[in-house]
Amino acid sequence: MRWPPSPARSWACDVGVSAEVAITEWVNGRVDLVGIQPQSPGPLSRGAYLKQQRSPADGAYAVIDRQGGPVGAMVAEMNNFDAPRITATIRAGTIHAAEAAAAAYATAVRSLTGCPEPCGDTGVTCLTSDNVTGPQFVPQPADSGEQYCFQVTADLIL
């Protein structure tokens, strides 16, 4: 393994890519979500990340996280498919920007209907989604200073 490891590589396997990295790259590659910077930003103009960013005043961003879910292969044979449950936490400085970005992300996820979509240059393709929930408002503690937050969760096939 190279040191330092590439951010697109999984610690578990030098040739694997984590679902979180793949979906982050998928989001950041979609013009309908991030727009064309800087002249035409999209509803998720700050893109997607693996960890929370500083409170932005100029747009929404998503934090991509893999949730616990059923474990097991999709078929009895060995395969290269993964079925992660992904939660996108979308944050913005206003409730309207956060909700619009979360709705746009949910629409993009629901548009996955089996036609392979590349996840950036990770070598992973996203095929379909199921069990999409949200956008759901997530209240923040009054004294946290955090911006507005919505979540969208979906089971994906990669």
C-alpha atoms as a PDB file:
ATOM      1  CA  MET A   1       0.000   0.000   0.000  1.00  0.00           C
ATOM      2  CA  ARG A   2       1.266   3.467  -0.860  1.00  0.00           C
ATOM      3  CA  TRP A   3       1.902   5.927   1.917  1.00  0.00           C
ATOM      4  CA  PRO A   4       0.117   8.186   2.344  1.00  0.00           C
ATOM      5  CA  PRO A   5      -2.843   6.196   1.022  1.00  0.00           C
ATOM      6  CA  SER A   6      -4.934   7.675  -1.751  1.00  0.00           C
ATOM      7  CA  PRO A   7      -8.215   9.133  -0.387  1.00  0.00           C
ATOM      8  CA  ALA A   8     -10.111   7.108  -2.983  1.00  0.00           C
ATOM      9  CA  ARG A   9      -8.746   3.801  -1.669  1.00  0.00           C
ATOM     10  CA  SER A  10     -10.180   1.673   1.088  1.00  0.00           C
ATOM     11  CA  TRP A  11      -8.006   0.664   4.041  1.00  0.00           C
ATOM     12  CA  ALA A  12      -9.516  -2.821   3.827  1.00  0.00           C
ATOM     13  CA  CYS A  13      -8.200  -3.577   0.359  1.00  0.00           C
ATOM     14  CA  ASP A  14      -5.671  -1.740  -1.764  1.00  0.00           C
ATOM     15  CA  VAL A  15      -7.753  -2.282  -4.896  1.00  0.00           C
ATOM     16  CA  GLY A  16     -11.151  -1.460  -3.384  1.00  0.00           C
ATOM     17  CA  VAL A  17     -13.014   1.811  -3.135  1.00  0.00           C
ATOM     18  CA  SER A  18     -15.327   2.510  -0.222  1.00  0.00           C
ATOM     19  CA  ALA A  19     -18.992   3.163  -0.985  1.00  0.00           C
ATOM     20  CA  GLU A  20     -18.734   6.573   0.687  1.00  0.00           C
ATOM     21  CA  VAL A  21     -15.896   7.673  -1.599  1.00  0.00           C
ATOM     22  CA  ALA A  22     -17.710   6.355  -4.675  1.00  0.00           C
ATOM     23  CA  ILE A  23     -20.960   8.174  -3.877  1.00  0.00           C
ATOM     24  CA  THR A  24     -19.076  11.359  -2.985  1.00  0.00           C
ATOM     25  CA  GLU A  25     -17.457  11.234  -6.425  1.00  0.00           C
ATOM     26  CA  TRP A  26     -20.826  10.456  -8.051  1.00  0.00           C
ATOM     27  CA  VAL A  27     -22.399  13.542  -6.441  1.00  0.00           C
ATOM     28  CA  ASN A  28     -19.449  15.796  -7.283  1.00  0.00           C
ATOM     29  CA  GLY A  29     -19.609  14.694 -10.921  1.00  0.00           C
ATOM     30  CA  ARG A  30     -23.277  15.590 -11.415  1.00  0.00           C
ATOM     31  CA  VAL A  31     -23.823  19.005 -12.991  1.00  0.00           C
ATOM     32  CA  ASP A  32     -27.513  18.904 -11.982  1.00  0.00           C
ATOM     33  CA  LEU A  33     -26.372  18.887  -8.330  1.00  0.00           C
ATOM     34  CA  VAL A  34     -23.166  20.910  -8.109  1.00  0.00           C
ATOM     35  CA  GLY A  35     -23.640  23.022 -11.215  1.00  0.00           C
ATOM     36  CA  ILE A  36     -20.839  24.529 -13.256  1.00  0.00           C
ATOM     37  CA  GLN A  37     -18.611  26.529 -10.948  1.00  0.00           C
ATOM     38  CA  PRO A  38     -18.435  29.464 -10.465  1.00  0.00           C
ATOM     39  CA  GLN A  39     -20.816  30.911 -13.060  1.00  0.00           C
ATOM     40  CA  SER A  40     -23.766  28.545 -12.565  1.00  0.00           C
ATOM     41  CA  PRO A  41     -23.781  26.802  -9.166  1.00  0.00           C
ATOM     42  CA  GLY A  42     -26.308  24.027  -8.561  1.00  0.00           C
ATOM     43  CA  PRO A  43     -28.430  23.394  -5.467  1.00  0.00           C
ATOM     44  CA  LEU A  44     -25.568  21.408  -3.877  1.00  0.00           C
ATOM     45  CA  SER A  45     -22.993  23.959  -4.995  1.00  0.00           C
ATOM     46  CA  ARG A  46     -20.368  23.142  -2.355  1.00  0.00           C
ATOM     47  CA  GLY A  47     -20.378  19.454  -3.337  1.00  0.00           C
ATOM     48  CA  ALA A  48     -20.096  16.308  -1.226  1.00  0.00           C
ATOM     49  CA  TYR A  49     -17.535  15.366   1.417  1.00  0.00           C
ATOM     50  CA  LEU A  50     -16.745  12.564   3.838  1.00  0.00           C
ATOM     51  CA  LYS A  51     -16.701  14.869   6.872  1.00  0.00           C
ATOM     52  CA  GLN A  52     -18.500  17.991   7.990  1.00  0.00           C
ATOM     53  CA  GLN A  53     -17.191  21.293   6.656  1.00  0.00           C
ATOM     54  CA  ARG A  54     -17.188  24.729   8.220  1.00  0.00           C
ATOM     55  CA  SER A  55     -20.550  26.458   8.075  1.00  0.00           C
ATOM     56  CA  PRO A  56     -20.830  27.787   4.535  1.00  0.00           C
ATOM     57  CA  ALA A  57     -22.541  31.072   3.798  1.00  0.00           C
ATOM     58  CA  ASP A  58     -22.500  30.571   0.052  1.00  0.00           C
ATOM     59  CA  GLY A  59     -24.234  27.266  -0.614  1.00  0.00           C
ATOM     60  CA  ALA A  60     -25.186  23.775   0.473  1.00  0.00           C
ATOM     61  CA  TYR A  61     -22.965  20.714   0.857  1.00  0.00           C
ATOM     62  CA  ALA A  62     -23.500  17.035   1.673  1.00  0.00           C
ATOM     63  CA  VAL A  63     -21.702  14.692   4.041  1.00  0.00           C
ATOM     64  CA  ILE A  64     -21.874  11.108   2.768  1.00  0.00           C
ATOM     65  CA  ASP A  65     -21.941   8.279   5.317  1.00  0.00           C
ATOM     66  CA  ARG A  66     -22.506   4.533   5.097  1.00  0.00           C
ATOM     67  CA  GLN A  67     -25.043   3.253   7.607  1.00  0.00           C
ATOM     68  CA  GLY A  68     -25.271  -0.211   9.109  1.00  0.00           C
ATOM     69  CA  GLY A  69     -27.560  -2.460   7.179  1.00  0.00           C
ATOM     70  CA  PRO A  70     -28.081  -6.037   6.141  1.00  0.00           C
ATOM     71  CA  VAL A  71     -24.851  -7.895   5.508  1.00  0.00           C
ATOM     72  CA  GLY A  72     -24.507 -10.449   2.758  1.00  0.00           C
ATOM     73  CA  ALA A  73     -23.937 -10.903  -0.908  1.00  0.00           C
ATOM     74  CA  MET A  74     -26.683 -10.113  -3.384  1.00  0.00           C
ATOM     75  CA  VAL A  75     -26.348 -13.533  -5.039  1.00  0.00           C
ATOM     76  CA  ALA A  76     -24.924 -16.873  -3.944  1.00  0.00           C
ATOM     77  CA  GLU A  77     -21.883 -16.620  -6.211  1.00  0.00           C
ATOM     78  CA  MET A  78     -18.922 -14.334  -5.643  1.00  0.00           C
ATOM     79  CA  ASN A  79     -19.624 -10.958  -7.241  1.00  0.00           C
ATOM     80  CA  ASN A  80     -18.402  -7.409  -7.435  1.00  0.00           C
ATOM     81  CA  PHE A  81     -21.659  -5.829  -6.258  1.00  0.00           C
ATOM     82  CA  ASP A  82     -22.125  -3.859  -3.057  1.00  0.00           C
ATOM     83  CA  ALA A  83     -25.437  -2.779  -1.543  1.00  0.00           C
ATOM     84  CA  PRO A  84     -24.634   0.030   0.907  1.00  0.00           C
ATOM     85  CA  ARG A  85     -27.202   2.064   2.823  1.00  0.00           C
ATOM     86  CA  ILE A  86     -26.004   5.639   2.320  1.00  0.00           C
ATOM     87  CA  THR A  87     -27.115   8.673   4.292  1.00  0.00           C
ATOM     88  CA  ALA A  88     -26.454  12.114   2.871  1.00  0.00           C
ATOM     89  CA  THR A  89     -26.614  14.876   5.453  1.00  0.00           C
ATOM     90  CA  ILE A  90     -27.154  18.119   3.575  1.00  0.00           C
ATOM     91  CA  ARG A  91     -26.276  21.379   5.321  1.00  0.00           C
ATOM     92  CA  ALA A  92     -26.673  25.010   4.318  1.00  0.00           C
ATOM     93  CA  GLY A  93     -26.892  28.458   5.877  1.00  0.00           C
ATOM     94  CA  THR A  94     -30.626  28.811   5.200  1.00  0.00           C
ATOM     95  CA  ILE A  95     -33.457  26.325   5.556  1.00  0.00           C
ATOM     96  CA  HIS A  96     -34.533  26.943   1.950  1.00  0.00           C
ATOM     97  CA  ALA A  97     -31.075  26.203   0.521  1.00  0.00           C
ATOM     98  CA  ALA A  98     -30.696  23.053   2.632  1.00  0.00           C
ATOM     99  CA  GLU A  99     -34.127  21.739   1.693  1.00  0.00           C
ATOM    100  CA  ALA A 100     -33.707  22.503  -2.025  1.00  0.00           C
ATOM    101  CA  ALA A 101     -30.316  20.763  -2.096  1.00  0.00           C
ATOM    102  CA  ALA A 102     -31.690  17.730  -0.221  1.00  0.00           C
ATOM    103  CA  ALA A 103     -34.646  17.502  -2.617  1.00  0.00           C
ATOM    104  CA  ALA A 104     -32.294  17.704  -5.627  1.00  0.00           C
ATOM    105  CA  TYR A 105     -30.071  14.960  -4.164  1.00  0.00           C
ATOM    106  CA  ALA A 106     -33.118  12.746  -3.455  1.00  0.00           C
ATOM    107  CA  THR A 107     -34.334  13.254  -7.034  1.00  0.00           C
ATOM    108  CA  ALA A 108     -30.902  12.304  -8.397  1.00  0.00           C
ATOM    109  CA  VAL A 109     -30.809   9.157  -6.260  1.00  0.00           C
ATOM    110  CA  ARG A 110     -34.330   8.183  -7.337  1.00  0.00           C
ATOM    111  CA  SER A 111     -33.251   8.606 -10.988  1.00  0.00           C
ATOM    112  CA  LEU A 112     -30.902   5.609 -10.651  1.00  0.00           C
ATOM    113  CA  THR A 113     -32.859   2.898 -12.463  1.00  0.00           C
ATOM    114  CA  GLY A 114     -30.239   0.378 -13.589  1.00  0.00           C
ATOM    115  CA  CYS A 115     -28.301   2.317 -16.198  1.00  0.00           C
ATOM    116  CA  PRO A 116     -24.682   2.369 -14.933  1.00  0.00           C
ATOM    117  CA  GLU A 117     -23.492   5.811 -13.849  1.00  0.00           C
ATOM    118  CA  PRO A 118     -19.772   6.279 -13.180  1.00  0.00           C
ATOM    119  CA  CYS A 119     -18.662   7.418  -9.739  1.00  0.00           C
ATOM    120  CA  GLY A 120     -15.955   9.795 -10.912  1.00  0.00           C
ATOM    121  CA  ASP A 121     -12.687   8.042 -11.740  1.00  0.00           C
ATOM    122  CA  THR A 122     -13.040   5.466  -8.931  1.00  0.00           C
ATOM    123  CA  GLY A 123     -13.862   2.623 -11.316  1.00  0.00           C
ATOM    124  CA  VAL A 124     -17.178   2.082  -9.480  1.00  0.00           C
ATOM    125  CA  THR A 125     -20.554   2.465 -11.160  1.00  0.00           C
ATOM    126  CA  CYS A 126     -23.840   3.166  -9.427  1.00  0.00           C
ATOM    127  CA  LEU A 127     -26.743   1.134 -10.777  1.00  0.00           C
ATOM    128  CA  THR A 128     -29.951   1.655  -8.836  1.00  0.00           C
ATOM    129  CA  SER A 129     -31.519   2.856  -5.606  1.00  0.00           C
ATOM    130  CA  ASP A 130     -34.210   1.536  -3.291  1.00  0.00           C
ATOM    131  CA  ASN A 131     -35.844   2.518   0.001  1.00  0.00           C
ATOM    132  CA  VAL A 132     -35.165   6.229  -0.486  1.00  0.00           C
ATOM    133  CA  THR A 133     -36.327   8.257   2.523  1.00  0.00           C
ATOM    134  CA  GLY A 134     -36.247  12.001   2.901  1.00  0.00           C
ATOM    135  CA  PRO A 135     -35.523  14.775   2.705  1.00  0.00           C
ATOM    136  CA  GLN A 136     -36.084  14.830   6.428  1.00  0.00           C
ATOM    137  CA  PHE A 137     -35.384  17.892   8.559  1.00  0.00           C
ATOM    138  CA  VAL A 138     -32.806  17.287  11.303  1.00  0.00           C
ATOM    139  CA  PRO A 139     -33.080  19.797  14.173  1.00  0.00           C
ATOM    140  CA  GLN A 140     -29.777  21.089  15.489  1.00  0.00           C
ATOM    141  CA  PRO A 141     -29.079  21.964  19.145  1.00  0.00           C
ATOM    142  CA  ALA A 142     -29.846  25.621  19.835  1.00  0.00           C
ATOM    143  CA  ASP A 143     -26.353  26.388  21.130  1.00  0.00           C
ATOM    144  CA  SER A 144     -24.404  24.435  18.505  1.00  0.00           C
ATOM    145  CA  GLY A 145     -24.122  27.264  15.981  1.00  0.00           C
ATOM    146  CA  GLU A 146     -24.783  24.740  13.227  1.00  0.00           C
ATOM    147  CA  GLN A 147     -26.602  25.536  10.048  1.00  0.00           C
ATOM    148  CA  TYR A 148     -29.807  23.924   8.780  1.00  0.00           C
ATOM    149  CA  CYS A 149     -29.737  20.222   8.028  1.00  0.00           C
ATOM    150  CA  PHE A 150     -31.761  17.668   6.038  1.00  0.00           C
ATOM    151  CA  GLN A 151     -31.067  13.956   5.519  1.00  0.00           C
ATOM    152  CA  VAL A 152     -31.733  11.569   2.662  1.00  0.00           C
ATOM    153  CA  THR A 153     -31.100   7.825   3.096  1.00  0.00           C
ATOM    154  CA  ALA A 154     -31.138   5.188   0.350  1.00  0.00           C
ATOM    155  CA  ASP A 155     -30.024   1.646  -0.357  1.00  0.00           C
ATOM    156  CA  LEU A 156     -27.812   1.702  -3.456  1.00  0.00           C
ATOM    157  CA  ILE A 157     -26.427  -0.964  -5.742  1.00  0.00           C
ATOM    158  CA  LEU A 158     -22.797  -0.331  -6.719  1.00  0.00           C
END
